[in-house]
Amino acid sequence: MEQPWLKFYDEDVPHFLDFPDFTIPDYLYHAAKTYPNQVATIFMGSRLTYQELHDNVCRFANALHNLGIRKGDHVGIILPNCPQIIVAYYATLWLGAVTVLTNPLYVERELAHQWQDAEVKLVITLDIIFPKVNDVCQQLGIEHIIVTGIQDYLSIVKKILVPLEIRRQGKWVNVPYDKKRVLSFKGLTLGKQAFHPVADISPDDLACLQYTGGTTGTPKGAMLSHRNLVSNVIQTYHFLLQEHRETEDKAIAILPIFHVYGMLVMNLAMRLAATLILLARPEIPDLVATIAKEKPTFFLGIPALYTAVLNYKGINDVDLTSINTCFSGGSPLPESVITQFEACTGAPITEAYGMTESSGVTHVNPRFGIRKVGSVGLPIISTDSKIVDAEDGITELDVHQRGELLIKGPQVMRGYWRRSQETAQALVDGWLYTGDIAVMDEDGYFSIVDRKKDMILSGGFNVYPREVEEVLYRHPKVEHAAVIGVPSKVRGEKITAFIKLKKGETATSGEIRKFCIENLAHYKVPRAIKFRDELPMSLAGKVLRRVLREEFMGKVS
């Protein structure tokens, strides 16, 4: 198959790569051995060197081993961006166990589904969300919960001040530590010898179960091996960062590490022995203040984040010129935002595309070559792509013809955990069916033009209409419901629910939203509720989201 994109790679970017037989923990081991005094993390002003991070990972890995975690066991990690999530992640992988990274915003129903499906044996969590995590663990019979607090890796002063502030906000939780089932994260590592964990790990071993709706919207675990993750780190490095030298970079980690994009940022930082500046919450004032103080060189975000920074009051008085590398993904970045942000930093923004199923990145615009606005760019190194007819899934289409985007490469997942039928639909002869409708031009640049699936991209999160609709249908007053995404300058897409109430019932938007808030993570809650006497239905009795979308967009126009 012809690959026209290769001639548009930046100079010195290789067309193909031989991938070493590494595992993800090898990156941390190399950084700690080679640059032990290099700062690995900055969190709320506190710093850990690579040697300190490595030693914490070793101690925690041995603690997990003492609790019975062995190769192939699944460990749930439900933490915000903080040193503990890095320690837990690498310690789990170093034992040959499998990480199940989980969104801390999930409600109990969502946690129970994910952890039961993943067969999680142990959970690592944050104290302020312990009650809901404990309830789910008791329900599922999960053996151990390890609990940490934001303050655990802070300075002595902040270890006192942060709990006081949490108490003031009414969020403090008295965790019932018993040294058997409920254990302290710090208690498991303090004073222990940092000897290297011994485990027989292969690059082809499973590393992560990353949960995604895939092309159907039903949450399932994408099985990502060490080889998948290492390949994507190497691909991204050689395509975008090969002029960067080890220890020279500071990367802002505001994207959640529990997301595959945030995880890639973390692993890239380890590959470069870079400093990772961790932000627990995506608060724009904190982000701007951190940029001003710490002078990062990397900025990796989503369109909503770039827009929010530009709209921040007083941003013109903040020096952003330390940033020399910017990446954006998740959804198309408006040209006006690109122009403004590049004017503030002097650094080009590189737009990229990828999926959970592909370990992160599959397509990216060249940093120095031709950049086509609205395009997700070229297939990254050692990655093949093609467009096929969306109906038959086989016939390869010519340039500028719309069809389903297919991807093949070393970063593509092994399949979906315990979902053989869905795996067979998504992976055919090594090709990943993305569910996205795209076109390729004569130069090999790809553009996403529609979604075969009805997934909504809201604030950088994937939201699947069916999951929200299922919650709406549980409301006793709702007869029919449909959820769509409508364009939003702030969030990318705004989740909008159309509802037909049962005969004789009345309800308010606030009442419906309150019900959703109680049953969904906040980013899945509809921002707008539209009541209708009737909803467009197919002959099979299904609500036609497409018609609602067209009607809504027609009114907006």
Protein backbone atom coordinates (compact mmCIF):
# COMPACT_ATOMS: atom_id res chain seq x y z
CA MET A 1 0.00 0.00 0.00
CA GLU A 2 1.29 3.44 -0.96
CA GLN A 3 2.15 5.72 1.99
CA PRO A 4 2.21 9.27 0.58
CA TRP A 5 2.62 10.77 4.06
CA LEU A 6 6.22 9.63 4.40
CA LYS A 7 7.56 12.39 2.15
CA PHE A 8 6.00 15.01 4.42
CA TYR A 9 7.76 13.85 7.59
CA ASP A 10 10.13 16.41 9.08
CA GLU A 11 13.76 16.03 8.10
CA ASP A 12 15.60 13.42 10.18
CA VAL A 13 12.36 11.73 11.29
CA PRO A 14 12.74 8.02 10.44
CA HIS A 15 10.08 6.32 8.33
CA PHE A 16 10.24 3.11 10.35
CA LEU A 17 11.62 2.04 13.70
CA ASP A 18 12.93 -1.09 15.33
CA PHE A 19 11.43 -1.20 18.79
CA PRO A 20 13.55 -2.46 21.70
CA ASP A 21 12.35 -5.15 24.07
CA PHE A 22 11.71 -2.71 26.91
CA THR A 23 9.05 -2.62 29.57
CA ILE A 24 7.61 0.61 30.95
CA PRO A 25 9.48 0.44 34.32
CA ASP A 26 12.76 0.33 32.40
CA TYR A 27 12.38 4.07 31.72
CA LEU A 28 12.21 4.92 35.42
CA TYR A 29 15.10 2.58 36.23
CA HIS A 30 17.29 4.21 33.55
CA ALA A 31 16.45 7.75 34.68
CA ALA A 32 17.16 6.98 38.35
CA LYS A 33 20.40 5.16 37.59
CA THR A 34 21.70 7.80 35.16
CA TYR A 35 20.33 10.99 36.72
CA PRO A 36 19.61 10.20 40.39
CA ASN A 37 19.58 13.86 41.48
CA GLN A 38 17.43 15.13 38.63
CA VAL A 39 14.03 16.42 39.84
CA ALA A 40 11.38 13.93 38.73
CA THR A 41 8.22 15.55 40.11
CA ILE A 42 7.04 18.89 41.42
CA PHE A 43 3.77 18.82 43.34
CA MET A 44 2.44 21.82 45.25
CA GLY A 45 6.00 23.06 45.62
CA SER A 46 7.45 19.77 46.88
CA ARG A 47 10.05 17.91 44.83
CA LEU A 48 11.13 14.31 44.40
CA THR A 49 14.34 13.36 42.62
CA TYR A 50 14.47 10.37 40.32
CA GLN A 51 16.36 8.43 42.99
CA GLU A 52 13.69 9.25 45.57
CA LEU A 53 10.91 8.36 43.16
CA HIS A 54 12.62 5.10 42.26
CA ASP A 55 13.10 4.19 45.93
CA ASN A 56 9.45 4.93 46.71
CA VAL A 57 8.37 2.74 43.81
CA CYS A 58 10.60 -0.11 45.01
CA ARG A 59 9.27 0.12 48.57
CA PHE A 60 5.68 0.24 47.41
CA ALA A 61 6.16 -2.64 44.99
CA ASN A 62 7.50 -4.78 47.82
CA ALA A 63 4.57 -3.74 50.02
CA LEU A 64 2.15 -4.81 47.28
CA HIS A 65 4.02 -8.10 46.97
CA ASN A 66 3.68 -8.67 50.71
CA LEU A 67 -0.07 -8.14 50.31
CA GLY A 68 -0.20 -10.93 47.78
CA ILE A 69 -0.03 -9.04 44.48
CA ARG A 70 1.62 -11.20 41.84
CA LYS A 71 2.22 -11.16 38.11
CA GLY A 72 -1.09 -10.88 36.24
CA ASP A 73 -3.10 -9.54 39.19
CA HIS A 74 -5.21 -6.45 38.51
CA VAL A 75 -4.76 -3.36 40.71
CA GLY A 76 -7.26 -0.51 40.71
CA ILE A 77 -5.68 2.96 41.00
CA ILE A 78 -8.11 5.80 41.61
CA LEU A 79 -6.03 8.92 42.24
CA PRO A 80 -5.65 12.45 40.89
CA ASN A 81 -2.34 13.70 39.49
CA CYS A 82 0.06 13.50 42.42
CA PRO A 83 3.30 11.60 43.16
CA GLN A 84 1.32 8.69 44.56
CA ILE A 85 -0.29 7.81 41.22
CA ILE A 86 3.16 7.56 39.63
CA VAL A 87 4.47 5.43 42.50
CA ALA A 88 1.41 3.14 42.39
CA TYR A 89 1.52 2.81 38.60
CA TYR A 90 5.20 1.90 38.29
CA ALA A 91 5.18 -0.33 41.39
CA THR A 92 2.27 -2.33 39.98
CA LEU A 93 3.96 -2.74 36.61
CA TRP A 94 7.28 -3.67 38.20
CA LEU A 95 5.59 -6.69 39.78
CA GLY A 96 4.20 -7.77 36.42
CA ALA A 97 0.72 -6.86 37.67
CA VAL A 98 -1.82 -4.88 35.63
CA THR A 99 -2.99 -1.33 36.31
CA VAL A 100 -6.66 -0.41 36.11
CA LEU A 101 -6.56 3.39 36.18
CA THR A 102 -9.90 4.78 37.30
CA ASN A 103 -11.45 8.24 37.20
CA PRO A 104 -11.86 9.62 40.78
CA LEU A 105 -15.04 11.38 39.64
CA TYR A 106 -16.86 8.09 39.04
CA VAL A 107 -19.89 7.36 41.18
CA GLU A 108 -20.31 4.00 42.89
CA ARG A 109 -22.28 2.42 40.05
CA GLU A 110 -19.49 3.23 37.58
CA LEU A 111 -16.75 2.03 39.94
CA ALA A 112 -18.54 -1.25 40.58
CA HIS A 113 -18.96 -1.97 36.89
CA GLN A 114 -15.34 -1.27 36.04
CA TRP A 115 -13.70 -3.09 38.95
CA GLN A 116 -15.97 -6.10 38.76
CA ASP A 117 -15.37 -6.43 35.03
CA ALA A 118 -11.60 -5.99 35.51
CA GLU A 119 -11.45 -8.47 38.40
CA VAL A 120 -9.58 -5.99 40.57
CA LYS A 121 -7.83 -7.55 43.56
CA LEU A 122 -6.62 -4.41 45.40
CA VAL A 123 -7.46 -0.69 45.20
CA ILE A 124 -5.26 2.36 45.83
CA THR A 125 -7.25 5.51 46.53
CA LEU A 126 -7.43 9.00 48.08
CA ASP A 127 -8.75 9.56 51.59
CA ILE A 128 -11.44 12.11 50.66
CA ILE A 129 -13.18 9.59 48.35
CA PHE A 130 -12.64 6.63 50.67
CA PRO A 131 -16.34 6.22 51.63
CA LYS A 132 -17.57 5.49 48.11
CA VAL A 133 -14.51 3.38 47.30
CA ASN A 134 -14.92 1.38 50.51
CA ASP A 135 -18.61 0.73 49.77
CA VAL A 136 -17.77 -0.64 46.33
CA CYS A 137 -14.85 -2.72 47.61
CA GLN A 138 -17.07 -4.29 50.26
CA GLN A 139 -19.74 -4.97 47.65
CA LEU A 140 -17.23 -6.68 45.34
CA GLY A 141 -15.19 -8.41 48.04
CA ILE A 142 -11.95 -6.64 47.12
CA GLU A 143 -9.32 -7.73 49.64
CA HIS A 144 -7.30 -4.58 50.37
CA ILE A 145 -7.64 -0.79 50.12
CA ILE A 146 -4.52 1.37 50.34
CA VAL A 147 -5.32 4.98 51.20
CA THR A 148 -3.23 8.10 50.74
CA GLY A 149 -3.77 11.81 51.27
CA ILE A 150 -2.76 14.74 49.08
CA GLN A 151 -0.52 15.87 51.97
CA ASP A 152 1.55 12.68 52.11
CA TYR A 153 4.30 13.90 49.78
CA LEU A 154 4.27 17.57 50.79
CA SER A 155 6.55 19.63 53.01
CA ILE A 156 6.15 19.51 56.79
CA VAL A 157 4.31 22.83 56.82
CA LYS A 158 1.88 21.82 54.08
CA LYS A 159 1.30 18.46 55.75
CA ILE A 160 -0.30 20.51 58.52
CA LEU A 161 -1.99 23.20 56.43
CA VAL A 162 -3.57 21.02 53.74
CA PRO A 163 -5.57 18.81 56.16
CA LEU A 164 -6.76 21.98 57.92
CA GLU A 165 -8.01 23.35 54.61
CA ILE A 166 -9.72 20.05 53.76
CA ARG A 167 -11.45 20.16 57.15
CA ARG A 168 -12.51 23.76 56.54
CA GLN A 169 -14.12 22.68 53.28
CA GLY A 170 -15.95 19.89 55.09
CA LYS A 171 -14.28 17.16 53.01
CA TRP A 172 -12.13 15.53 55.68
CA VAL A 173 -12.66 11.79 56.11
CA ASN A 174 -11.51 9.79 59.12
CA VAL A 175 -10.21 6.66 57.45
CA PRO A 176 -10.51 3.54 59.66
CA TYR A 177 -6.99 2.16 59.13
CA ASP A 178 -6.70 -1.36 60.55
CA LYS A 179 -3.34 -2.53 59.06
CA LYS A 180 -5.14 -5.50 57.53
CA ARG A 181 -7.80 -4.50 55.03
CA VAL A 182 -7.46 -0.69 55.07
CA LEU A 183 -3.82 0.37 54.96
CA SER A 184 -1.85 3.60 54.85
CA PHE A 185 0.10 4.33 51.65
CA LYS A 186 2.88 6.13 53.55
CA GLY A 187 2.87 3.54 56.31
CA LEU A 188 3.68 0.85 53.76
CA THR A 189 6.75 2.68 52.47
CA LEU A 190 8.27 4.64 55.35
CA GLY A 191 11.46 3.19 56.77
CA LYS A 192 11.46 0.22 54.43
CA GLN A 193 14.54 -0.86 52.48
CA ALA A 194 14.30 0.14 48.81
CA PHE A 195 15.45 -3.10 47.24
CA HIS A 196 14.55 -3.72 43.61
CA PRO A 197 11.45 -5.91 43.11
CA VAL A 198 12.08 -9.14 41.26
CA ALA A 199 9.55 -10.14 38.64
CA ASP A 200 9.76 -11.88 35.29
CA ILE A 201 8.27 -9.22 33.01
CA SER A 202 8.07 -9.52 29.23
CA PRO A 203 7.34 -6.68 26.76
CA ASP A 204 4.34 -8.67 25.57
CA ASP A 205 2.85 -8.94 29.06
CA LEU A 206 -0.34 -7.04 29.76
CA ALA A 207 0.41 -3.69 31.43
CA CYS A 208 -2.90 -1.82 31.59
CA LEU A 209 -6.61 -2.25 31.28
CA GLN A 210 -7.71 1.19 30.04
CA TYR A 211 -11.48 1.45 30.08
CA THR A 212 -13.21 3.00 27.11
CA GLY A 213 -16.52 2.84 25.35
CA GLY A 214 -14.78 1.86 22.13
CA THR A 215 -17.05 2.00 19.12
CA THR A 216 -20.15 0.80 20.95
CA GLY A 217 -20.26 2.95 24.09
CA THR A 218 -20.29 -0.06 26.41
CA PRO A 219 -17.37 0.45 28.86
CA LYS A 220 -14.72 -2.21 28.37
CA GLY A 221 -11.02 -2.61 29.07
CA ALA A 222 -8.58 -2.07 26.23
CA MET A 223 -5.70 -4.48 26.84
CA LEU A 224 -2.45 -2.56 26.42
CA SER A 225 0.84 -4.43 26.71
CA HIS A 226 4.21 -3.03 27.72
CA ARG A 227 5.18 -3.28 24.05
CA ASN A 228 2.15 -1.20 23.04
CA LEU A 229 2.96 1.56 25.53
CA VAL A 230 6.72 1.58 24.91
CA SER A 231 6.14 1.69 21.15
CA ASN A 232 3.96 4.77 21.41
CA VAL A 233 6.49 6.52 23.67
CA ILE A 234 9.26 5.82 21.12
CA GLN A 235 7.08 6.81 18.15
CA THR A 236 6.13 10.10 19.78
CA TYR A 237 9.69 10.84 20.85
CA HIS A 238 11.21 10.27 17.40
CA PHE A 239 8.45 12.12 15.54
CA LEU A 240 8.21 15.18 17.77
CA LEU A 241 10.96 15.31 20.38
CA GLN A 242 14.13 13.82 19.00
CA GLU A 243 15.99 17.14 19.31
CA HIS A 244 15.16 17.16 23.03
CA ARG A 245 17.89 15.98 25.38
CA GLU A 246 17.44 14.06 28.62
CA THR A 247 16.92 16.14 31.81
CA GLU A 248 16.32 19.38 29.86
CA ASP A 249 12.51 19.48 29.94
CA LYS A 250 9.77 20.33 32.43
CA ALA A 251 6.32 19.08 31.46
CA ILE A 252 3.00 20.29 32.84
CA ALA A 253 0.86 17.29 33.81
CA ILE A 254 -2.61 18.80 34.01
CA LEU A 255 -4.25 16.13 31.86
CA PRO A 256 -5.33 13.30 34.17
CA ILE A 257 -2.86 10.42 34.26
CA PHE A 258 -5.77 7.98 34.50
CA HIS A 259 -6.50 8.96 30.87
CA VAL A 260 -4.36 7.36 28.15
CA TYR A 261 -3.17 10.79 26.94
CA GLY A 262 -2.06 11.81 30.45
CA MET A 263 -0.40 8.41 30.89
CA LEU A 264 1.59 8.98 27.69
CA VAL A 265 2.76 12.35 29.02
CA MET A 266 3.99 10.65 32.22
CA ASN A 267 5.82 7.89 30.34
CA LEU A 268 7.38 10.38 27.91
CA ALA A 269 8.68 12.36 30.89
CA MET A 270 10.31 9.21 32.29
CA ARG A 271 11.86 8.47 28.87
CA LEU A 272 13.39 11.97 28.82
CA ALA A 273 14.25 12.04 32.56
CA ALA A 274 12.20 15.23 32.49
CA THR A 275 10.58 17.00 35.43
CA LEU A 276 6.85 16.36 35.67
CA ILE A 277 4.90 19.27 37.19
CA LEU A 278 1.77 17.67 38.65
CA LEU A 279 -1.54 19.48 39.00
CA ALA A 280 -4.22 17.58 40.89
CA ARG A 281 -7.10 19.59 39.46
CA PRO A 282 -7.52 21.38 36.11
CA GLU A 283 -7.96 24.78 37.73
CA ILE A 284 -6.88 27.54 35.34
CA PRO A 285 -5.65 29.99 38.03
CA ASP A 286 -3.42 27.24 39.47
CA LEU A 287 -2.18 26.33 36.00
CA VAL A 288 -1.30 29.92 35.09
CA ALA A 289 0.44 30.49 38.44
CA THR A 290 2.41 27.25 37.99
CA ILE A 291 3.53 28.23 34.50
CA ALA A 292 4.70 31.60 35.81
CA LYS A 293 6.61 30.04 38.71
CA GLU A 294 8.04 26.78 37.34
CA LYS A 295 8.69 27.81 33.70
CA PRO A 296 7.69 24.55 31.97
CA THR A 297 8.94 23.71 28.48
CA PHE A 298 6.13 21.25 27.59
CA PHE A 299 2.45 22.14 27.40
CA LEU A 300 0.19 19.24 26.53
CA GLY A 301 -3.53 19.90 26.51
CA ILE A 302 -6.91 19.75 24.86
CA PRO A 303 -8.67 22.57 23.01
CA ALA A 304 -10.79 23.54 26.02
CA LEU A 305 -7.61 23.99 28.07
CA TYR A 306 -5.89 26.18 25.48
CA THR A 307 -9.03 28.30 25.18
CA ALA A 308 -9.40 28.66 28.95
CA VAL A 309 -5.78 29.82 29.35
CA LEU A 310 -6.21 32.45 26.63
CA ASN A 311 -9.44 33.67 28.24
CA TYR A 312 -7.89 33.92 31.70
CA LYS A 313 -7.99 37.47 33.01
CA GLY A 314 -4.51 38.96 32.99
CA ILE A 315 -2.96 36.26 30.80
CA ASN A 316 -1.26 38.95 28.71
CA ASP A 317 0.80 39.84 31.77
CA VAL A 318 2.05 36.26 32.24
CA ASP A 319 5.29 35.16 30.60
CA LEU A 320 4.58 31.96 28.66
CA THR A 321 7.74 31.98 26.58
CA SER A 322 9.42 29.15 28.52
CA ILE A 323 7.05 26.81 26.65
CA ASN A 324 8.74 25.52 23.51
CA THR A 325 6.64 22.43 22.79
CA CYS A 326 2.84 22.31 22.60
CA PHE A 327 0.63 19.35 21.75
CA SER A 328 -3.15 19.26 21.44
CA GLY A 329 -5.54 16.35 21.07
CA GLY A 330 -9.08 15.23 21.80
CA SER A 331 -10.83 17.39 19.20
CA PRO A 332 -9.93 19.95 16.50
CA LEU A 333 -8.27 23.13 17.75
CA PRO A 334 -9.79 26.33 16.30
CA GLU A 335 -7.38 28.23 14.06
CA SER A 336 -7.88 31.42 16.10
CA VAL A 337 -6.79 29.63 19.29
CA ILE A 338 -3.71 28.23 17.54
CA THR A 339 -2.73 31.69 16.34
CA GLN A 340 -3.24 33.37 19.72
CA PHE A 341 -1.48 30.72 21.79
CA GLU A 342 1.47 30.53 19.44
CA ALA A 343 1.78 34.32 19.63
CA CYS A 344 1.93 34.09 23.44
CA THR A 345 4.55 31.33 23.58
CA GLY A 346 6.44 31.51 20.31
CA ALA A 347 6.06 27.73 20.09
CA PRO A 348 4.10 25.89 17.39
CA ILE A 349 1.13 23.78 18.50
CA THR A 350 1.16 20.26 17.11
CA GLU A 351 -2.27 18.66 16.75
CA ALA A 352 -2.54 14.91 17.14
CA TYR A 353 -5.10 12.10 17.07
CA GLY A 354 -5.33 8.81 18.85
CA MET A 355 -7.49 6.46 20.88
CA THR A 356 -7.32 4.50 24.09
CA GLU A 357 -7.16 1.41 21.90
CA SER A 358 -3.99 2.75 20.26
CA SER A 359 -2.12 3.59 23.49
CA GLY A 360 -2.36 7.29 22.67
CA VAL A 361 -1.12 8.70 19.37
CA THR A 362 -1.59 7.40 15.81
CA HIS A 363 -1.62 10.62 13.75
CA VAL A 364 0.18 13.90 14.24
CA ASN A 365 1.07 17.03 12.31
CA PRO A 366 4.80 17.58 11.69
CA ARG A 367 6.34 20.17 13.99
CA PHE A 368 8.31 22.03 11.34
CA GLY A 369 6.80 20.88 8.05
CA ILE A 370 3.46 21.56 6.41
CA ARG A 371 0.66 21.91 8.92
CA LYS A 372 -2.87 21.72 7.60
CA VAL A 373 -5.46 23.38 9.81
CA GLY A 374 -8.31 21.02 10.64
CA SER A 375 -6.21 17.95 9.86
CA VAL A 376 -5.01 15.49 12.51
CA GLY A 377 -1.89 15.11 10.42
CA LEU A 378 0.12 12.14 9.21
CA PRO A 379 0.29 8.57 10.49
CA ILE A 380 3.08 8.48 13.06
CA ILE A 381 6.22 6.39 12.48
CA SER A 382 5.65 2.66 11.76
CA THR A 383 1.90 3.23 11.60
CA ASP A 384 -0.27 2.41 8.60
CA SER A 385 -3.68 3.95 7.92
CA LYS A 386 -6.37 3.66 5.32
CA ILE A 387 -9.96 4.72 4.65
CA VAL A 388 -12.53 2.03 3.87
CA ASP A 389 -16.17 2.07 2.96
CA ALA A 390 -18.13 2.60 6.18
CA GLU A 391 -20.84 0.17 5.10
CA ASP A 392 -18.88 -2.90 4.00
CA GLY A 393 -15.72 -2.17 6.05
CA ILE A 394 -13.54 -3.63 3.30
CA THR A 395 -13.45 -1.52 0.13
CA GLU A 396 -10.51 0.88 0.27
CA LEU A 397 -11.45 4.39 -0.81
CA ASP A 398 -9.59 6.97 -2.86
CA VAL A 399 -8.33 10.31 -1.61
CA HIS A 400 -10.96 12.83 -0.45
CA GLN A 401 -13.59 10.09 -0.08
CA ARG A 402 -15.24 9.73 3.30
CA GLY A 403 -15.05 6.40 5.05
CA GLU A 404 -14.03 4.69 8.26
CA LEU A 405 -10.47 5.24 9.45
CA LEU A 406 -8.44 2.06 10.03
CA ILE A 407 -5.07 1.94 11.82
CA LYS A 408 -2.34 -0.67 12.09
CA GLY A 409 0.80 -0.35 14.20
CA PRO A 410 2.74 -1.65 17.21
CA GLN A 411 0.78 0.64 19.54
CA VAL A 412 -2.59 -0.98 18.74
CA MET A 413 -4.14 -2.88 21.65
CA ARG A 414 -4.28 -6.65 22.00
CA GLY A 415 -8.06 -6.54 22.27
CA TYR A 416 -10.84 -5.90 24.79
CA TRP A 417 -10.73 -7.66 28.13
CA ARG A 418 -13.19 -10.59 28.19
CA ARG A 419 -14.95 -9.23 25.08
CA SER A 420 -14.14 -11.59 22.23
CA GLN A 421 -17.04 -10.47 20.04
CA GLU A 422 -16.21 -6.76 20.37
CA THR A 423 -12.52 -7.55 19.80
CA ALA A 424 -13.36 -9.39 16.58
CA GLN A 425 -15.35 -6.38 15.40
CA ALA A 426 -12.65 -3.84 16.28
CA LEU A 427 -9.54 -5.78 15.16
CA VAL A 428 -9.41 -7.51 11.79
CA ASP A 429 -6.06 -8.80 10.47
CA GLY A 430 -4.25 -6.34 12.74
CA TRP A 431 -6.30 -3.34 11.56
CA LEU A 432 -8.09 -1.31 14.22
CA TYR A 433 -11.51 -0.08 13.14
CA THR A 434 -11.70 3.32 14.82
CA GLY A 435 -15.38 4.10 14.30
CA ASP A 436 -14.36 7.57 13.08
CA ILE A 437 -15.25 8.84 9.62
CA ALA A 438 -12.26 10.47 7.95
CA VAL A 439 -10.74 11.51 4.64
CA MET A 440 -7.15 11.39 3.40
CA ASP A 441 -5.82 13.94 0.93
CA GLU A 442 -3.27 13.35 -1.80
CA ASP A 443 -0.40 14.19 0.58
CA GLY A 444 -1.44 11.61 3.18
CA TYR A 445 -2.89 14.08 5.68
CA PHE A 446 -5.97 12.75 7.47
CA SER A 447 -8.97 14.72 8.70
CA ILE A 448 -11.73 13.48 11.00
CA VAL A 449 -15.02 14.65 9.51
CA ASP A 450 -17.63 12.79 11.51
CA ARG A 451 -18.11 9.99 13.99
CA LYS A 452 -19.56 6.66 13.07
CA LYS A 453 -20.19 6.25 16.73
CA ASP A 454 -22.25 8.81 18.62
CA MET A 455 -19.57 9.57 21.18
CA ILE A 456 -19.57 13.10 22.58
CA LEU A 457 -16.29 14.91 23.28
CA SER A 458 -17.02 17.23 26.19
CA GLY A 459 -14.25 19.03 28.05
CA GLY A 460 -11.71 16.47 26.85
CA PHE A 461 -13.72 13.48 28.11
CA ASN A 462 -15.45 10.83 26.01
CA VAL A 463 -19.14 10.64 26.88
CA TYR A 464 -21.33 7.94 25.39
CA PRO A 465 -24.98 8.93 24.87
CA ARG A 466 -26.34 5.48 25.63
CA GLU A 467 -24.83 5.46 29.13
CA VAL A 468 -26.41 8.83 29.95
CA GLU A 469 -29.70 7.76 28.38
CA GLU A 470 -29.79 4.62 30.50
CA VAL A 471 -29.63 6.78 33.63
CA LEU A 472 -32.34 9.10 32.30
CA TYR A 473 -34.60 6.13 31.61
CA ARG A 474 -34.33 5.16 35.28
CA HIS A 475 -36.04 8.41 36.26
CA PRO A 476 -39.65 7.53 37.10
CA LYS A 477 -41.07 10.42 35.04
CA VAL A 478 -39.13 9.82 31.82
CA GLU A 479 -40.71 7.92 28.93
CA HIS A 480 -38.16 8.53 26.20
CA ALA A 481 -34.74 10.17 26.21
CA ALA A 482 -32.01 10.96 23.72
CA VAL A 483 -28.63 12.57 24.29
CA ILE A 484 -26.51 14.38 21.71
CA GLY A 485 -23.50 16.69 21.69
CA VAL A 486 -23.91 20.19 20.31
CA PRO A 487 -20.95 22.45 19.45
CA SER A 488 -19.57 24.51 22.33
CA LYS A 489 -16.69 26.98 22.17
CA VAL A 490 -15.78 26.19 25.77
CA ARG A 491 -16.27 22.41 26.10
CA GLY A 492 -15.94 21.22 22.51
CA GLU A 493 -19.41 19.72 22.73
CA LYS A 494 -22.19 20.38 25.21
CA ILE A 495 -24.16 17.35 26.39
CA THR A 496 -27.80 18.00 25.62
CA ALA A 497 -30.67 15.70 26.62
CA PHE A 498 -34.04 15.60 24.88
CA ILE A 499 -36.78 14.14 27.06
CA LYS A 500 -40.37 13.07 26.60
CA LEU A 501 -42.12 12.72 29.95
CA LYS A 502 -44.67 10.08 30.78
CA LYS A 503 -48.28 11.09 30.34
CA GLY A 504 -49.53 13.33 33.14
CA GLU A 505 -46.03 13.95 34.57
CA THR A 506 -44.25 17.28 34.99
CA ALA A 507 -40.61 17.92 35.74
CA THR A 508 -38.04 20.69 35.68
CA SER A 509 -34.58 20.76 34.15
CA GLY A 510 -33.11 21.10 37.64
CA GLU A 511 -34.91 17.98 38.81
CA ILE A 512 -33.58 15.93 35.90
CA ARG A 513 -30.04 17.27 36.28
CA LYS A 514 -30.08 16.52 40.03
CA PHE A 515 -30.99 12.92 39.26
CA CYS A 516 -28.12 12.71 36.76
CA ILE A 517 -25.65 14.26 39.21
CA GLU A 518 -26.49 11.51 41.70
CA ASN A 519 -25.89 8.76 39.13
CA LEU A 520 -23.16 9.99 36.79
CA ALA A 521 -19.69 11.50 36.93
CA HIS A 522 -20.12 15.26 36.67
CA TYR A 523 -18.68 15.55 33.15
CA LYS A 524 -21.36 13.13 31.88
CA VAL A 525 -24.25 15.18 33.30
CA PRO A 526 -26.28 16.96 30.57
CA ARG A 527 -25.68 20.70 30.51
CA ALA A 528 -29.02 21.34 28.84
CA ILE A 529 -32.38 19.59 29.16
CA LYS A 530 -34.94 19.98 26.37
CA PHE A 531 -38.49 18.73 26.97
CA ARG A 532 -40.42 17.53 23.91
CA ASP A 533 -43.94 16.28 23.40
CA GLU A 534 -42.55 13.74 20.94
CA LEU A 535 -39.12 12.50 19.92
CA PRO A 536 -38.28 11.33 16.37
CA MET A 537 -38.41 7.53 16.30
CA SER A 538 -37.32 4.88 13.81
CA LEU A 539 -39.58 2.08 12.66
CA ALA A 540 -37.76 -0.11 15.14
CA GLY A 541 -38.76 2.22 17.99
CA LYS A 542 -35.34 3.81 18.46
CA VAL A 543 -34.96 7.53 19.07
CA LEU A 544 -33.18 9.10 16.10
CA ARG A 545 -30.33 11.15 17.54
CA ARG A 546 -29.29 12.16 14.02
CA VAL A 547 -32.63 13.88 13.41
CA LEU A 548 -32.43 15.73 16.73
CA ARG A 549 -28.91 16.86 15.91
CA GLU A 550 -29.96 18.08 12.48
CA GLU A 551 -33.03 19.87 13.90
CA PHE A 552 -30.99 21.55 16.60
CA MET A 553 -28.23 22.65 14.25
CA GLY A 554 -30.84 23.94 11.79
CA LYS A 555 -32.33 26.17 14.51
CA VAL A 556 -28.87 27.42 15.49
CA SER A 557 -28.11 28.27 11.86
